[in-house]
C-alpha atoms as a PDB file:
ATOM      1  CA  MET A   1       1.989  -7.720 -21.718  1.00  0.00           C
ATOM      2  CA  LYS A   2       2.984  -4.118 -21.159  1.00  0.00           C
ATOM      3  CA  SER A   3       3.611  -3.028 -17.594  1.00  0.00           C
ATOM      4  CA  SER A   4       1.005  -0.238 -17.777  1.00  0.00           C
ATOM      5  CA  ASP A   5      -1.683  -2.753 -18.834  1.00  0.00           C
ATOM      6  CA  ALA A   6      -0.707  -5.124 -16.034  1.00  0.00           C
ATOM      7  CA  ALA A   7      -0.795  -2.258 -13.517  1.00  0.00           C
ATOM      8  CA  GLN A   8      -4.292  -1.299 -14.682  1.00  0.00           C
ATOM      9  CA  LYS A   9      -5.491  -4.876 -14.118  1.00  0.00           C
ATOM     10  CA  ILE A  10      -4.009  -4.981 -10.617  1.00  0.00           C
ATOM     11  CA  LEU A  11      -5.467  -1.548  -9.848  1.00  0.00           C
ATOM     12  CA  LYS A  12      -8.887  -2.725 -11.002  1.00  0.00           C
ATOM     13  CA  SER A  13      -8.816  -5.526  -8.427  1.00  0.00           C
ATOM     14  CA  PHE A  14      -8.539  -2.888  -5.672  1.00  0.00           C
ATOM     15  CA  GLU A  15     -11.526  -0.805  -6.869  1.00  0.00           C
ATOM     16  CA  ARG A  16     -14.185  -2.657  -4.924  1.00  0.00           C
ATOM     17  CA  TYR A  17     -12.962  -1.862  -1.405  1.00  0.00           C
ATOM     18  CA  TYR A  18     -10.468   0.967  -1.894  1.00  0.00           C
ATOM     19  CA  THR A  19     -10.785   4.601  -2.889  1.00  0.00           C
ATOM     20  CA  ILE A  20      -8.609   4.916  -5.997  1.00  0.00           C
ATOM     21  CA  LYS A  21      -6.753   8.025  -7.134  1.00  0.00           C
ATOM     22  CA  ARG A  22      -5.413   7.992 -10.690  1.00  0.00           C
ATOM     23  CA  PRO A  23      -3.253  10.591 -12.458  1.00  0.00           C
ATOM     24  CA  GLY A  24      -5.124  13.677 -13.575  1.00  0.00           C
ATOM     25  CA  GLU A  25      -8.004  13.299 -11.127  1.00  0.00           C
ATOM     26  CA  ASP A  26      -8.905  15.966  -8.604  1.00  0.00           C
ATOM     27  CA  SER A  27      -8.755  15.247  -4.900  1.00  0.00           C
ATOM     28  CA  VAL A  28     -11.056  12.574  -3.553  1.00  0.00           C
ATOM     29  CA  ASP A  29     -13.528  13.591  -0.823  1.00  0.00           C
ATOM     30  CA  GLY A  30     -11.910  17.021  -0.628  1.00  0.00           C
ATOM     31  CA  GLY A  31      -8.769  15.401   0.745  1.00  0.00           C
ATOM     32  CA  GLN A  32     -10.709  13.360   3.334  1.00  0.00           C
ATOM     33  CA  GLY A  33     -10.100  10.084   1.468  1.00  0.00           C
ATOM     34  CA  GLY A  34      -6.518  10.016   2.678  1.00  0.00           C
ATOM     35  CA  PHE A  35      -4.814  11.929  -0.129  1.00  0.00           C
ATOM     36  CA  SER A  36      -5.249  15.108  -2.127  1.00  0.00           C
ATOM     37  CA  SER A  37      -2.953  14.370  -5.071  1.00  0.00           C
ATOM     38  CA  ILE A  38      -0.755  11.528  -6.223  1.00  0.00           C
ATOM     39  CA  THR A  39       2.798  11.538  -4.920  1.00  0.00           C
ATOM     40  CA  LYS A  40       5.235  12.123  -7.794  1.00  0.00           C
ATOM     41  CA  PRO A  41       6.880   8.776  -8.599  1.00  0.00           C
ATOM     42  CA  PHE A  42       3.688   6.735  -8.306  1.00  0.00           C
ATOM     43  CA  PHE A  43       1.236   5.708 -11.018  1.00  0.00           C
ATOM     44  CA  ALA A  44      -1.800   5.589  -8.715  1.00  0.00           C
ATOM     45  CA  GLU A  45      -2.796   5.376  -5.058  1.00  0.00           C
ATOM     46  CA  ALA A  46      -5.531   3.597  -3.146  1.00  0.00           C
ATOM     47  CA  VAL A  47      -6.837   4.089   0.395  1.00  0.00           C
ATOM     48  CA  PHE A  48      -8.854   1.753   2.599  1.00  0.00           C
ATOM     49  CA  LYS A  49     -10.281   2.763   5.989  1.00  0.00           C
ATOM     50  CA  SER A  50     -12.246   0.718   8.491  1.00  0.00           C
ATOM     51  CA  HIS A  51     -13.856   1.656  11.813  1.00  0.00           C
ATOM     52  CA  THR A  52     -15.347  -0.909  14.192  1.00  0.00           C
ATOM     53  CA  GLU A  53     -17.076  -0.521  17.548  1.00  0.00           C
ATOM     54  CA  GLN A  54     -18.211  -3.045  20.124  1.00  0.00           C
ATOM     55  CA  TYR A  55     -21.121  -2.423  22.484  1.00  0.00           C
ATOM     56  CA  PHE A  56     -22.686  -4.128  25.457  1.00  0.00           C
ATOM     57  CA  LEU A  57     -26.451  -4.240  24.883  1.00  0.00           C
ATOM     58  CA  VAL A  58     -26.814  -0.523  24.037  1.00  0.00           C
ATOM     59  CA  LYS A  59     -24.675   1.950  22.110  1.00  0.00           C
ATOM     60  CA  SER A  60     -24.016   4.037  25.200  1.00  0.00           C
ATOM     61  CA  ALA A  61     -22.177   1.068  26.752  1.00  0.00           C
ATOM     62  CA  LYS A  62     -19.259   1.063  24.303  1.00  0.00           C
ATOM     63  CA  LEU A  63     -16.643  -1.570  25.076  1.00  0.00           C
ATOM     64  CA  SER A  64     -14.111  -0.726  22.407  1.00  0.00           C
ATOM     65  CA  GLU A  65     -13.506   0.842  19.040  1.00  0.00           C
ATOM     66  CA  SER A  66     -10.699   0.492  16.554  1.00  0.00           C
ATOM     67  CA  ASP A  67      -9.593   2.063  13.296  1.00  0.00           C
ATOM     68  CA  SER A  68      -7.581   0.410  10.537  1.00  0.00           C
ATOM     69  CA  ALA A  69      -6.223   1.963   7.382  1.00  0.00           C
ATOM     70  CA  GLU A  70      -4.116   0.959   4.425  1.00  0.00           C
ATOM     71  CA  ARG A  71      -2.491   3.077   1.758  1.00  0.00           C
ATOM     72  CA  VAL A  72      -1.433   1.364  -1.465  1.00  0.00           C
ATOM     73  CA  PHE A  73       1.013   2.917  -3.930  1.00  0.00           C
ATOM     74  CA  PHE A  74       1.400   1.652  -7.511  1.00  0.00           C
ATOM     75  CA  TYR A  75       4.688   2.162  -9.361  1.00  0.00           C
ATOM     76  CA  VAL A  76       5.163   1.397 -13.071  1.00  0.00           C
ATOM     77  CA  SER A  77       8.471   1.489 -14.932  1.00  0.00           C
ATOM     78  CA  GLU A  78      10.337  -0.011 -17.871  1.00  0.00           C
ATOM     79  CA  ASN A  79      13.405  -0.956 -15.833  1.00  0.00           C
ATOM     80  CA  LEU A  80      13.839  -1.199 -12.059  1.00  0.00           C
ATOM     81  CA  ASP A  81      17.325  -1.056 -10.615  1.00  0.00           C
ATOM     82  CA  MET A  82      18.467  -1.201  -6.993  1.00  0.00           C
ATOM     83  CA  LYS A  83      18.815   2.570  -6.585  1.00  0.00           C
ATOM     84  CA  THR A  84      15.297   3.246  -7.881  1.00  0.00           C
ATOM     85  CA  LEU A  85      13.870   0.436  -5.738  1.00  0.00           C
ATOM     86  CA  LEU A  86      15.311   1.909  -2.550  1.00  0.00           C
ATOM     87  CA  GLU A  87      14.077   5.394  -3.497  1.00  0.00           C
ATOM     88  CA  ILE A  88      10.481   4.346  -4.169  1.00  0.00           C
ATOM     89  CA  VAL A  89      10.333   2.119  -1.072  1.00  0.00           C
ATOM     90  CA  ALA A  90      11.484   5.057   1.068  1.00  0.00           C
ATOM     91  CA  ALA A  91       9.016   7.403  -0.667  1.00  0.00           C
ATOM     92  CA  ALA A  92       6.088   5.002  -0.190  1.00  0.00           C
ATOM     93  CA  TRP A  93       6.872   4.443   3.516  1.00  0.00           C
ATOM     94  CA  ARG A  94       7.364   8.159   4.155  1.00  0.00           C
ATOM     95  CA  GLU A  95       4.264   9.238   2.229  1.00  0.00           C
ATOM     96  CA  GLY A  96       2.134   6.398   3.585  1.00  0.00           C
ATOM     97  CA  LEU A  97       2.686   7.525   7.162  1.00  0.00           C
ATOM     98  CA  SER A  98       2.690  11.269   6.512  1.00  0.00           C
ATOM     99  CA  GLY A  99      -0.062  13.141   8.289  1.00  0.00           C
ATOM    100  CA  PHE A 100      -0.825  10.171  10.546  1.00  0.00           C
ATOM    101  CA  VAL A 101      -0.989  10.770  14.304  1.00  0.00           C
ATOM    102  CA  PRO A 102      -1.279   7.649  16.526  1.00  0.00           C
ATOM    103  CA  TYR A 103      -4.112   7.580  19.062  1.00  0.00           C
ATOM    104  CA  PHE A 104      -5.854   5.165  21.415  1.00  0.00           C
ATOM    105  CA  GLY A 105      -8.355   3.228  19.363  1.00  0.00           C
ATOM    106  CA  HIS A 106      -5.986   3.007  16.391  1.00  0.00           C
ATOM    107  CA  ARG A 107      -5.274  -0.583  15.411  1.00  0.00           C
ATOM    108  CA  ASN A 108      -3.022  -0.362  12.354  1.00  0.00           C
ATOM    109  CA  THR A 109      -2.046   1.813   9.423  1.00  0.00           C
ATOM    110  CA  ASP A 110      -0.331  -0.237   6.739  1.00  0.00           C
ATOM    111  CA  VAL A 111       1.578   0.869   3.667  1.00  0.00           C
ATOM    112  CA  THR A 112       1.650  -1.280   0.523  1.00  0.00           C
ATOM    113  CA  LEU A 113       3.758  -0.804  -2.592  1.00  0.00           C
ATOM    114  CA  VAL A 114       2.970  -2.648  -5.835  1.00  0.00           C
ATOM    115  CA  ILE A 115       5.696  -2.433  -8.479  1.00  0.00           C
ATOM    116  CA  VAL A 116       5.046  -3.410 -12.090  1.00  0.00           C
ATOM    117  CA  SER A 117       8.070  -3.252 -14.358  1.00  0.00           C
ATOM    118  CA  ASP A 118       9.023  -4.625 -17.768  1.00  0.00           C
ATOM    119  CA  ARG A 119      12.397  -5.657 -16.351  1.00  0.00           C
ATOM    120  CA  ILE A 120      13.677  -5.900 -12.769  1.00  0.00           C
ATOM    121  CA  GLU A 121      17.438  -6.210 -12.360  1.00  0.00           C
ATOM    122  CA  GLY A 122      18.685  -9.293 -10.497  1.00  0.00           C
ATOM    123  CA  ASP A 123      19.978  -7.550  -7.377  1.00  0.00           C
ATOM    124  CA  ALA A 124      16.774  -5.516  -7.037  1.00  0.00           C
ATOM    125  CA  PHE A 125      14.641  -8.640  -7.575  1.00  0.00           C
ATOM    126  CA  ASP A 126      16.484 -10.446  -4.763  1.00  0.00           C
ATOM    127  CA  ALA A 127      16.430  -7.412  -2.444  1.00  0.00           C
ATOM    128  CA  ILE A 128      12.633  -7.132  -2.564  1.00  0.00           C
ATOM    129  CA  ARG A 129      12.248 -10.249  -0.389  1.00  0.00           C
ATOM    130  CA  LYS A 130      14.440  -8.704   2.320  1.00  0.00           C
ATOM    131  CA  ILE A 131      12.822  -5.263   2.541  1.00  0.00           C
ATOM    132  CA  LYS A 132      10.863  -4.683   5.723  1.00  0.00           C
ATOM    133  CA  HIS A 133       9.546  -1.714   7.632  1.00  0.00           C
ATOM    134  CA  SER A 134       7.384  -1.716  10.711  1.00  0.00           C
ATOM    135  CA  LYS A 135       6.622   0.741  13.432  1.00  0.00           C
ATOM    136  CA  SER A 136       4.980   0.340  16.812  1.00  0.00           C
ATOM    137  CA  TYR A 137       3.256   3.248  18.530  1.00  0.00           C
ATOM    138  CA  MET A 138       3.584   3.318  22.321  1.00  0.00           C
ATOM    139  CA  MET A 139       4.386  -0.436  22.433  1.00  0.00           C
ATOM    140  CA  THR A 140       1.298  -1.150  20.255  1.00  0.00           C
ATOM    141  CA  LEU A 141      -1.090   0.522  22.707  1.00  0.00           C
ATOM    142  CA  LYS A 142      -1.715   3.046  19.937  1.00  0.00           C
ATOM    143  CA  GLY A 143      -1.332   0.512  17.136  1.00  0.00           C
ATOM    144  CA  TRP A 144       1.314  -0.267  14.564  1.00  0.00           C
ATOM    145  CA  SER A 145       2.292   0.130  10.920  1.00  0.00           C
ATOM    146  CA  ASP A 146       3.630  -2.521   8.540  1.00  0.00           C
ATOM    147  CA  PHE A 147       5.010  -2.423   4.993  1.00  0.00           C
ATOM    148  CA  ARG A 148       3.929  -4.810   2.229  1.00  0.00           C
ATOM    149  CA  LEU A 149       5.758  -5.036  -1.082  1.00  0.00           C
ATOM    150  CA  ALA A 150       4.921  -6.911  -4.284  1.00  0.00           C
ATOM    151  CA  ALA A 151       6.740  -6.708  -7.608  1.00  0.00           C
ATOM    152  CA  LEU A 152       5.868  -8.109 -11.026  1.00  0.00           C
ATOM    153  CA  GLU A 153       8.270  -8.346 -13.965  1.00  0.00           C
ATOM    154  CA  THR A 154       6.013  -8.368 -17.028  1.00  0.00           C
ATOM    155  CA  SER A 155       8.625  -9.559 -19.554  1.00  0.00           C
ATOM    156  CA  THR A 156       8.952 -12.921 -17.761  1.00  0.00           C
ATOM    157  CA  MET A 157       5.783 -12.736 -15.588  1.00  0.00           C
ATOM    158  CA  ARG A 158       7.922 -13.400 -12.492  1.00  0.00           C
ATOM    159  CA  ALA A 159       6.651 -12.008  -9.216  1.00  0.00           C
ATOM    160  CA  THR A 160       8.327 -11.539  -5.865  1.00  0.00           C
ATOM    161  CA  TYR A 161       7.151 -10.317  -2.466  1.00  0.00           C
ATOM    162  CA  ASN A 162       8.495  -9.335   0.904  1.00  0.00           C
ATOM    163  CA  ARG A 163       7.289 -11.396   3.897  1.00  0.00           C
ATOM    164  CA  LEU A 164       4.110  -9.381   4.481  1.00  0.00           C
ATOM    165  CA  GLY A 165       3.526  -8.833   0.770  1.00  0.00           C
ATOM    166  CA  LYS A 166       2.760 -12.501   0.191  1.00  0.00           C
ATOM    167  CA  SER A 167      -0.864 -11.676   1.009  1.00  0.00           C
ATOM    168  CA  LEU A 168      -0.941  -9.959  -2.421  1.00  0.00           C
ATOM    169  CA  LYS A 169       0.117 -13.107  -4.275  1.00  0.00           C
ATOM    170  CA  LYS A 170      -3.349 -14.042  -5.601  1.00  0.00           C
ATOM    171  CA  THR A 171      -4.016 -10.493  -6.784  1.00  0.00           C
ATOM    172  CA  VAL A 172      -0.718 -10.092  -8.621  1.00  0.00           C
ATOM    173  CA  GLU A 173      -0.559 -13.553 -10.136  1.00  0.00           C
ATOM    174  CA  ALA A 174      -4.173 -13.419 -11.370  1.00  0.00           C
ATOM    175  CA  ILE A 175      -3.022 -11.371 -14.347  1.00  0.00           C
END
């Protein structure tokens, strides 16, 4: 299976709950969907936002509210080496948190990177499990951000994940 076909299948599994931005499309929601154009090295992007409120009997007696968001970046390549891996991880983390300002009522803003490659070099394949990023805002009073990473090598159909990326296992291995 070609890596672009596998990436399309994974991307399709995100369509139900996420706003998807593919190459060549204009901005989604006039930029309100979380992005205005796809960041250069990525194949596609997806955004999920959730807002919840809790009330006591009537809406005017609001107990709490919280916002959650996730930005997913999809990267497709023929060969993934260690240098490229570190570059795209840094780009996804930086771009995923760009424009975000922490506030009370914010729960989490997570960044996810899904890599689909024909071949992943051995050192890069092993390094994926060790990659981690997280950030706490005002000792979590204003929320936090975590980084999830999943990678699929289409030539052997091997997949690997970082600790938080294991939640993507069913999605990636369903191909």
